[in-house]
């Protein structure tokens, strides 16, 4: 999946798209759902080693959908501000396409979970490690191997 962007002047270089993923913390995971309908679910994530990691329960609709089809789309919006006088919005966003897998390696799973704690609860690392230990067996980690990504940005001064 690698279509050209319509407004190419808003496309970001890949390094900036990666930086958006690295700074962001929530996005929409889109999977192929029942009866051909797409299913998009808001999730927290971390971007680590050029992959997107998502924590989840080991059951549920998104897990079932991923078991049936591993192709996914993931979108993150880092910032957004409505510009009423311009009839648009200023924003930074990135969209990635890739293949999801369930992390089975305990060391990789531990690293992903610790990254969530380090990133989102740095002042609670000790309690975070205890939480990870208690929830480890019932937590799934979904890893998205990014095959392509595009970042897009519009800032007020860039209006044409």
N, C-alpha and C. Protein backbone atom coordinates (compact mmCIF):
# COMPACT_ATOMS: atom_id res chain seq x y z
N UNK A 1 0.85 -1.18 0.00
CA UNK A 1 0.00 0.00 0.00
C UNK A 1 0.89 1.23 0.00
N UNK A 2 1.04 1.83 -1.15
CA UNK A 2 1.93 2.98 -1.22
C UNK A 2 1.44 3.97 -2.28
N UNK A 3 0.31 4.57 -2.03
CA UNK A 3 -0.25 5.54 -2.95
C UNK A 3 0.40 6.90 -2.75
N UNK A 4 0.36 7.70 -3.81
CA UNK A 4 0.87 9.06 -3.71
C UNK A 4 -0.11 9.93 -2.93
N UNK A 5 0.43 10.84 -2.16
CA UNK A 5 -0.39 11.77 -1.40
C UNK A 5 -0.90 12.85 -2.34
N UNK A 6 -2.17 13.22 -2.18
CA UNK A 6 -2.78 14.24 -3.02
C UNK A 6 -2.11 15.60 -2.83
N UNK A 7 -1.98 16.03 -1.60
CA UNK A 7 -1.33 17.33 -1.30
C UNK A 7 0.11 17.05 -0.89
N UNK A 8 0.94 16.83 -1.91
CA UNK A 8 2.33 16.43 -1.68
C UNK A 8 3.13 17.47 -0.90
N UNK A 9 2.73 18.74 -0.98
CA UNK A 9 3.46 19.78 -0.25
C UNK A 9 3.31 19.63 1.26
N UNK A 10 2.36 18.81 1.69
CA UNK A 10 2.16 18.59 3.13
C UNK A 10 2.82 17.30 3.61
N UNK A 11 3.34 16.52 2.67
CA UNK A 11 3.98 15.26 3.05
C UNK A 11 5.30 15.54 3.75
N UNK A 12 5.54 14.79 4.82
CA UNK A 12 6.77 14.93 5.59
C UNK A 12 7.80 13.90 5.13
N UNK A 13 9.07 14.21 5.26
CA UNK A 13 10.09 13.19 5.03
C UNK A 13 9.90 12.03 6.02
N UNK A 14 10.35 10.85 5.64
CA UNK A 14 10.13 9.67 6.48
C UNK A 14 10.72 9.83 7.88
N UNK A 15 11.85 10.54 8.00
CA UNK A 15 12.45 10.73 9.33
C UNK A 15 11.50 11.51 10.24
N UNK A 16 10.81 12.51 9.70
CA UNK A 16 9.85 13.29 10.49
C UNK A 16 8.62 12.45 10.82
N UNK A 17 8.19 11.60 9.91
CA UNK A 17 7.07 10.70 10.19
C UNK A 17 7.42 9.77 11.35
N UNK A 18 8.63 9.24 11.34
CA UNK A 18 9.09 8.39 12.45
C UNK A 18 9.10 9.18 13.77
N UNK A 19 9.55 10.42 13.70
CA UNK A 19 9.61 11.26 14.91
C UNK A 19 8.21 11.48 15.47
N UNK A 20 7.21 11.61 14.60
CA UNK A 20 5.83 11.75 15.07
C UNK A 20 5.41 10.49 15.81
N UNK A 21 5.69 9.32 15.22
CA UNK A 21 5.37 8.07 15.91
C UNK A 21 6.07 7.99 17.26
N UNK A 22 7.33 8.39 17.31
CA UNK A 22 8.09 8.31 18.56
C UNK A 22 7.53 9.24 19.63
N UNK A 23 7.01 10.40 19.25
CA UNK A 23 6.46 11.36 20.22
C UNK A 23 5.03 11.03 20.62
N UNK A 24 4.30 10.38 19.74
CA UNK A 24 2.88 10.14 19.99
C UNK A 24 2.63 9.06 21.03
N UNK A 25 1.38 8.96 21.44
CA UNK A 25 1.04 7.95 22.45
C UNK A 25 -0.30 7.27 22.20
N UNK A 26 -1.11 7.79 21.31
CA UNK A 26 -2.33 7.07 20.98
C UNK A 26 -2.62 7.21 19.49
N UNK A 27 -3.33 6.22 19.00
CA UNK A 27 -3.66 6.21 17.58
C UNK A 27 -4.84 5.28 17.34
N UNK A 28 -5.12 5.06 16.08
CA UNK A 28 -6.22 4.18 15.68
C UNK A 28 -5.64 2.99 14.95
N UNK A 29 -5.89 1.80 15.48
CA UNK A 29 -5.53 0.55 14.82
C UNK A 29 -6.73 0.13 13.98
N UNK A 30 -6.52 0.00 12.68
CA UNK A 30 -7.59 -0.43 11.78
C UNK A 30 -7.28 -1.82 11.26
N UNK A 31 -8.27 -2.69 11.42
CA UNK A 31 -8.14 -4.08 11.01
C UNK A 31 -9.29 -4.44 10.08
N UNK A 32 -9.19 -5.58 9.46
CA UNK A 32 -10.27 -6.08 8.62
C UNK A 32 -11.25 -6.83 9.52
N UNK A 33 -12.46 -6.28 9.65
CA UNK A 33 -13.44 -6.85 10.56
C UNK A 33 -14.40 -7.81 9.88
N UNK A 34 -15.48 -8.07 10.57
CA UNK A 34 -16.50 -9.01 10.08
C UNK A 34 -17.18 -8.49 8.82
N UNK A 35 -17.54 -9.41 7.94
CA UNK A 35 -18.32 -9.11 6.74
C UNK A 35 -17.69 -8.04 5.87
N UNK A 36 -16.37 -7.92 5.89
CA UNK A 36 -15.67 -6.95 5.05
C UNK A 36 -15.66 -5.54 5.58
N UNK A 37 -16.24 -5.32 6.75
CA UNK A 37 -16.23 -3.98 7.33
C UNK A 37 -14.90 -3.71 8.01
N UNK A 38 -14.35 -2.50 7.83
CA UNK A 38 -13.15 -2.15 8.59
C UNK A 38 -13.53 -1.91 10.05
N UNK A 39 -12.57 -2.12 10.93
CA UNK A 39 -12.77 -1.88 12.36
C UNK A 39 -11.58 -1.09 12.85
N UNK A 40 -11.84 0.12 13.32
CA UNK A 40 -10.79 0.98 13.85
C UNK A 40 -10.99 1.15 15.34
N UNK A 41 -9.94 0.91 16.10
CA UNK A 41 -10.04 0.99 17.55
C UNK A 41 -8.93 1.90 18.10
N UNK A 42 -9.30 2.86 18.96
CA UNK A 42 -8.27 3.71 19.58
C UNK A 42 -7.43 2.90 20.56
N UNK A 43 -6.12 3.09 20.51
CA UNK A 43 -5.21 2.35 21.38
C UNK A 43 -4.04 3.24 21.80
N UNK A 44 -3.40 2.89 22.90
CA UNK A 44 -2.11 3.45 23.27
C UNK A 44 -1.05 2.61 22.56
N UNK A 45 0.09 3.22 22.29
CA UNK A 45 1.14 2.49 21.61
C UNK A 45 2.50 3.06 21.98
N UNK A 46 3.52 2.29 21.68
CA UNK A 46 4.89 2.79 21.71
C UNK A 46 5.53 2.41 20.38
N UNK A 47 6.46 3.25 19.94
CA UNK A 47 7.20 3.02 18.70
C UNK A 47 8.61 2.66 19.11
N UNK A 48 9.03 1.46 18.78
CA UNK A 48 10.29 0.93 19.26
C UNK A 48 10.93 0.10 18.15
N UNK A 49 12.17 0.39 17.83
CA UNK A 49 12.90 -0.37 16.79
C UNK A 49 12.14 -0.42 15.47
N UNK A 50 11.58 0.72 15.08
CA UNK A 50 10.83 0.86 13.82
C UNK A 50 9.58 -0.01 13.75
N UNK A 51 9.07 -0.42 14.91
CA UNK A 51 7.82 -1.18 14.98
C UNK A 51 6.87 -0.49 15.95
N UNK A 52 5.60 -0.72 15.76
CA UNK A 52 4.57 -0.19 16.65
C UNK A 52 4.14 -1.33 17.57
N UNK A 53 4.13 -1.06 18.88
CA UNK A 53 3.71 -2.05 19.87
C UNK A 53 2.45 -1.56 20.56
N UNK A 54 1.49 -2.47 20.70
CA UNK A 54 0.20 -2.17 21.34
C UNK A 54 -0.04 -3.25 22.39
N UNK A 55 -0.50 -2.84 23.57
CA UNK A 55 -0.85 -3.83 24.59
C UNK A 55 -2.35 -4.08 24.53
N UNK A 56 -2.75 -5.28 24.90
CA UNK A 56 -4.15 -5.66 24.76
C UNK A 56 -4.45 -6.84 25.67
N UNK A 57 -5.76 -7.06 25.90
CA UNK A 57 -6.18 -8.33 26.46
C UNK A 57 -5.90 -9.40 25.40
N UNK A 58 -5.89 -10.64 25.80
CA UNK A 58 -5.62 -11.73 24.86
C UNK A 58 -6.85 -12.18 24.09
N UNK A 59 -7.95 -11.52 24.30
CA UNK A 59 -9.20 -11.90 23.64
C UNK A 59 -9.93 -10.64 23.23
N UNK A 60 -10.94 -10.80 22.39
CA UNK A 60 -11.75 -9.67 21.95
C UNK A 60 -11.78 -9.56 20.44
N UNK A 61 -12.57 -8.63 19.99
CA UNK A 61 -12.82 -8.47 18.56
C UNK A 61 -11.55 -8.16 17.77
N UNK A 62 -10.70 -7.24 18.26
CA UNK A 62 -9.50 -6.90 17.49
C UNK A 62 -8.56 -8.09 17.40
N UNK A 63 -8.48 -8.89 18.47
CA UNK A 63 -7.63 -10.08 18.46
C UNK A 63 -8.16 -11.08 17.44
N UNK A 64 -9.47 -11.32 17.45
CA UNK A 64 -10.07 -12.23 16.47
C UNK A 64 -9.84 -11.74 15.04
N UNK A 65 -10.01 -10.44 14.83
CA UNK A 65 -9.81 -9.88 13.49
C UNK A 65 -8.35 -10.07 13.05
N UNK A 66 -7.41 -9.85 13.95
CA UNK A 66 -5.99 -10.02 13.61
C UNK A 66 -5.64 -11.48 13.35
N UNK A 67 -6.30 -12.40 14.04
CA UNK A 67 -6.06 -13.82 13.79
C UNK A 67 -6.53 -14.21 12.39
N UNK A 68 -7.53 -13.49 11.87
CA UNK A 68 -8.05 -13.78 10.54
C UNK A 68 -7.29 -13.07 9.43
N UNK A 69 -6.74 -11.90 9.72
CA UNK A 69 -6.03 -11.13 8.71
C UNK A 69 -5.04 -10.21 9.41
N UNK A 70 -3.78 -10.38 9.14
CA UNK A 70 -2.72 -9.65 9.84
C UNK A 70 -2.40 -8.29 9.22
N UNK A 71 -3.00 -7.97 8.08
CA UNK A 71 -2.74 -6.66 7.46
C UNK A 71 -3.48 -5.58 8.23
N UNK A 72 -2.76 -4.51 8.57
CA UNK A 72 -3.35 -3.45 9.38
C UNK A 72 -2.93 -2.08 8.85
N UNK A 73 -3.65 -1.10 9.34
CA UNK A 73 -3.33 0.31 9.12
C UNK A 73 -3.34 0.95 10.50
N UNK A 74 -2.38 1.83 10.74
CA UNK A 74 -2.31 2.50 12.03
C UNK A 74 -2.13 3.99 11.78
N UNK A 75 -2.95 4.82 12.42
CA UNK A 75 -2.92 6.26 12.24
C UNK A 75 -2.72 6.94 13.58
N UNK A 76 -1.82 7.90 13.62
CA UNK A 76 -1.62 8.71 14.83
C UNK A 76 -1.70 10.18 14.45
N UNK A 77 -2.41 10.94 15.27
CA UNK A 77 -2.46 12.40 15.12
C UNK A 77 -1.76 12.97 16.32
N UNK A 78 -0.64 13.63 16.07
CA UNK A 78 0.15 14.15 17.18
C UNK A 78 -0.39 15.48 17.66
N UNK A 79 -0.82 16.32 16.73
CA UNK A 79 -1.38 17.60 17.13
C UNK A 79 -2.44 17.99 16.12
N UNK A 80 -3.41 18.75 16.60
CA UNK A 80 -4.47 19.22 15.72
C UNK A 80 -5.08 20.47 16.35
N UNK A 81 -5.26 21.48 15.52
CA UNK A 81 -5.88 22.72 15.99
C UNK A 81 -6.75 23.26 14.85
N UNK A 82 -8.03 23.45 15.12
CA UNK A 82 -8.93 24.01 14.13
C UNK A 82 -8.56 25.47 13.88
N UNK A 83 -8.49 25.84 12.62
CA UNK A 83 -8.22 27.22 12.21
C UNK A 83 -9.48 27.77 11.55
N UNK A 84 -10.42 28.29 12.35
CA UNK A 84 -11.73 28.68 11.82
C UNK A 84 -11.65 29.67 10.65
N UNK A 85 -10.77 30.64 10.71
CA UNK A 85 -10.72 31.65 9.65
C UNK A 85 -10.12 31.10 8.36
N UNK A 86 -9.45 29.95 8.44
CA UNK A 86 -8.84 29.33 7.26
C UNK A 86 -9.67 28.15 6.73
N UNK A 87 -10.71 27.77 7.50
CA UNK A 87 -11.58 26.65 7.14
C UNK A 87 -10.79 25.36 6.99
N UNK A 88 -9.85 25.18 7.89
CA UNK A 88 -9.03 23.98 7.89
C UNK A 88 -8.49 23.76 9.31
N UNK A 89 -7.51 22.91 9.41
CA UNK A 89 -6.87 22.63 10.70
C UNK A 89 -5.36 22.58 10.50
N UNK A 90 -4.63 22.99 11.52
CA UNK A 90 -3.19 22.76 11.58
C UNK A 90 -3.01 21.41 12.26
N UNK A 91 -2.07 20.60 11.76
CA UNK A 91 -1.96 19.24 12.30
C UNK A 91 -0.61 18.63 11.95
N UNK A 92 -0.32 17.54 12.64
CA UNK A 92 0.76 16.61 12.30
C UNK A 92 0.17 15.23 12.46
N UNK A 93 0.31 14.40 11.45
CA UNK A 93 -0.23 13.05 11.54
C UNK A 93 0.66 12.10 10.75
N UNK A 94 0.49 10.84 11.03
CA UNK A 94 1.23 9.81 10.30
C UNK A 94 0.34 8.59 10.16
N UNK A 95 0.48 7.92 9.03
CA UNK A 95 -0.27 6.70 8.77
C UNK A 95 0.72 5.63 8.33
N UNK A 96 0.54 4.44 8.88
CA UNK A 96 1.44 3.33 8.55
C UNK A 96 0.62 2.12 8.14
N UNK A 97 1.19 1.36 7.23
CA UNK A 97 0.61 0.09 6.83
C UNK A 97 1.62 -0.99 7.17
N UNK A 98 1.12 -2.12 7.59
CA UNK A 98 2.04 -3.19 7.93
C UNK A 98 1.32 -4.47 8.28
N UNK A 99 2.10 -5.38 8.82
CA UNK A 99 1.60 -6.70 9.20
C UNK A 99 1.76 -6.85 10.71
N UNK A 100 0.68 -7.26 11.35
CA UNK A 100 0.69 -7.44 12.80
C UNK A 100 1.04 -8.87 13.17
N UNK A 101 1.67 -9.01 14.31
CA UNK A 101 1.93 -10.33 14.87
C UNK A 101 1.77 -10.22 16.39
N UNK A 102 1.62 -11.35 17.02
CA UNK A 102 1.54 -11.40 18.47
C UNK A 102 2.92 -11.75 19.01
N UNK A 103 3.43 -10.92 19.91
CA UNK A 103 4.77 -11.14 20.45
C UNK A 103 4.72 -12.35 21.38
N UNK A 104 5.52 -13.36 21.04
CA UNK A 104 5.59 -14.59 21.84
C UNK A 104 6.85 -14.65 22.69
N UNK A 105 7.88 -13.93 22.28
CA UNK A 105 9.14 -13.92 23.00
C UNK A 105 8.98 -13.10 24.29
N UNK A 106 9.20 -13.74 25.44
CA UNK A 106 9.00 -13.07 26.73
C UNK A 106 9.89 -11.84 26.90
N UNK A 107 11.13 -11.89 26.42
CA UNK A 107 12.04 -10.75 26.57
C UNK A 107 11.53 -9.56 25.75
N UNK A 108 11.07 -9.80 24.53
CA UNK A 108 10.54 -8.71 23.70
C UNK A 108 9.25 -8.15 24.30
N UNK A 109 8.42 -9.04 24.81
CA UNK A 109 7.17 -8.60 25.46
C UNK A 109 7.48 -7.74 26.68
N UNK A 110 8.42 -8.18 27.51
CA UNK A 110 8.83 -7.44 28.70
C UNK A 110 9.36 -6.06 28.31
N UNK A 111 10.21 -6.01 27.29
CA UNK A 111 10.79 -4.74 26.83
C UNK A 111 9.68 -3.78 26.36
N UNK A 112 8.71 -4.29 25.61
CA UNK A 112 7.61 -3.44 25.14
C UNK A 112 6.81 -2.90 26.33
N UNK A 113 6.49 -3.75 27.29
CA UNK A 113 5.71 -3.31 28.45
C UNK A 113 6.50 -2.31 29.29
N UNK A 114 7.79 -2.54 29.47
CA UNK A 114 8.61 -1.60 30.21
C UNK A 114 8.70 -0.25 29.48
N UNK A 115 8.70 -0.29 28.17
CA UNK A 115 8.73 0.95 27.40
C UNK A 115 7.45 1.75 27.62
N UNK A 116 6.30 1.06 27.71
CA UNK A 116 5.05 1.75 28.05
C UNK A 116 5.17 2.46 29.39
N UNK A 117 5.69 1.76 30.40
CA UNK A 117 5.83 2.35 31.73
C UNK A 117 6.82 3.51 31.70
N UNK A 118 7.98 3.29 31.09
CA UNK A 118 9.01 4.33 31.04
C UNK A 118 8.49 5.59 30.33
N UNK A 119 7.71 5.39 29.32
CA UNK A 119 7.24 6.50 28.49
C UNK A 119 6.07 7.25 29.12
N UNK A 120 5.11 6.51 29.67
CA UNK A 120 3.86 7.13 30.12
C UNK A 120 3.73 7.28 31.63
N UNK A 121 4.54 6.57 32.39
CA UNK A 121 4.47 6.64 33.85
C UNK A 121 5.87 6.65 34.45
N UNK A 122 6.76 7.52 33.98
CA UNK A 122 8.15 7.45 34.44
C UNK A 122 8.31 7.66 35.94
N UNK A 123 7.40 8.39 36.56
CA UNK A 123 7.51 8.62 38.00
C UNK A 123 6.99 7.43 38.83
N UNK A 124 6.48 6.40 38.15
CA UNK A 124 5.93 5.23 38.84
C UNK A 124 6.57 3.94 38.35
N UNK A 125 7.85 3.99 38.03
CA UNK A 125 8.52 2.82 37.44
C UNK A 125 8.45 1.58 38.32
N UNK A 126 8.69 1.75 39.61
CA UNK A 126 8.68 0.58 40.50
C UNK A 126 7.29 -0.07 40.53
N UNK A 127 6.25 0.74 40.70
CA UNK A 127 4.88 0.20 40.67
C UNK A 127 4.54 -0.35 39.29
N UNK A 128 5.07 0.27 38.26
CA UNK A 128 4.85 -0.20 36.90
C UNK A 128 5.42 -1.59 36.68
N UNK A 129 6.62 -1.82 37.20
CA UNK A 129 7.24 -3.16 37.08
C UNK A 129 6.40 -4.21 37.81
N UNK A 130 5.86 -3.84 38.97
CA UNK A 130 4.99 -4.77 39.71
C UNK A 130 3.71 -5.04 38.91
N UNK A 131 3.17 -4.00 38.31
CA UNK A 131 1.96 -4.15 37.50
C UNK A 131 2.23 -5.09 36.31
N UNK A 132 3.36 -4.89 35.66
CA UNK A 132 3.73 -5.76 34.53
C UNK A 132 3.81 -7.21 34.99
N UNK A 133 4.47 -7.45 36.10
CA UNK A 133 4.63 -8.83 36.59
C UNK A 133 3.27 -9.47 36.86
N UNK A 134 2.36 -8.69 37.45
CA UNK A 134 1.03 -9.23 37.78
C UNK A 134 0.17 -9.47 36.54
N UNK A 135 0.34 -8.65 35.50
CA UNK A 135 -0.51 -8.74 34.32
C UNK A 135 0.15 -9.46 33.14
N UNK A 136 1.40 -9.85 33.29
CA UNK A 136 2.19 -10.36 32.16
C UNK A 136 1.50 -11.50 31.41
N UNK A 137 1.03 -12.50 32.11
CA UNK A 137 0.46 -13.68 31.45
C UNK A 137 -0.87 -13.42 30.76
N UNK A 138 -1.60 -12.42 31.23
CA UNK A 138 -2.91 -12.16 30.62
C UNK A 138 -2.89 -11.00 29.62
N UNK A 139 -1.68 -10.50 29.34
CA UNK A 139 -1.54 -9.38 28.42
C UNK A 139 -0.97 -9.86 27.09
N UNK A 140 -1.59 -9.39 26.02
CA UNK A 140 -1.05 -9.64 24.68
C UNK A 140 -0.32 -8.39 24.22
N UNK A 141 0.75 -8.60 23.48
CA UNK A 141 1.45 -7.49 22.83
C UNK A 141 1.34 -7.72 21.33
N UNK A 142 0.79 -6.73 20.67
CA UNK A 142 0.67 -6.76 19.22
C UNK A 142 1.82 -5.93 18.66
N UNK A 143 2.52 -6.49 17.72
CA UNK A 143 3.65 -5.81 17.08
C UNK A 143 3.30 -5.58 15.61
N UNK A 144 3.41 -4.33 15.18
CA UNK A 144 3.17 -4.03 13.77
C UNK A 144 4.52 -3.78 13.11
N UNK A 145 4.86 -4.64 12.18
CA UNK A 145 6.04 -4.43 11.36
C UNK A 145 5.65 -3.47 10.26
N UNK A 146 6.14 -2.26 10.34
CA UNK A 146 5.76 -1.20 9.42
C UNK A 146 6.38 -1.47 8.05
N UNK A 147 5.52 -1.54 7.04
CA UNK A 147 5.98 -1.76 5.67
C UNK A 147 6.05 -0.45 4.89
N UNK A 148 5.17 0.49 5.22
CA UNK A 148 5.24 1.82 4.62
C UNK A 148 4.57 2.81 5.57
N UNK A 149 5.05 4.06 5.51
CA UNK A 149 4.44 5.10 6.34
C UNK A 149 4.54 6.43 5.61
N UNK A 150 3.59 7.28 5.91
CA UNK A 150 3.61 8.64 5.38
C UNK A 150 3.17 9.58 6.49
N UNK A 151 3.93 10.66 6.63
CA UNK A 151 3.57 11.71 7.56
C UNK A 151 3.04 12.89 6.79
N UNK A 152 2.17 13.65 7.45
CA UNK A 152 1.57 14.81 6.82
C UNK A 152 1.46 15.91 7.86
N UNK A 153 1.70 17.14 7.42
CA UNK A 153 1.65 18.26 8.35
C UNK A 153 1.13 19.48 7.63
N UNK A 154 0.40 20.27 8.37
CA UNK A 154 -0.01 21.59 7.89
C UNK A 154 0.09 22.53 9.07
N UNK A 155 0.83 23.58 8.90
CA UNK A 155 0.94 24.62 9.92
C UNK A 155 0.34 25.89 9.33
N UNK A 156 -0.19 26.72 10.17
CA UNK A 156 -0.95 27.90 9.72
C UNK A 156 -0.16 28.74 8.71
N UNK A 157 1.11 28.94 8.90
CA UNK A 157 1.89 29.76 8.00
C UNK A 157 2.09 29.13 6.62
N UNK A 158 1.75 27.86 6.48
CA UNK A 158 1.97 27.17 5.21
C UNK A 158 0.77 27.27 4.26
N UNK A 159 -0.27 27.96 4.67
CA UNK A 159 -1.49 28.03 3.86
C UNK A 159 -1.19 28.63 2.49
N UNK A 160 -1.72 27.99 1.44
CA UNK A 160 -1.48 28.47 0.07
C UNK A 160 -2.76 28.81 -0.60
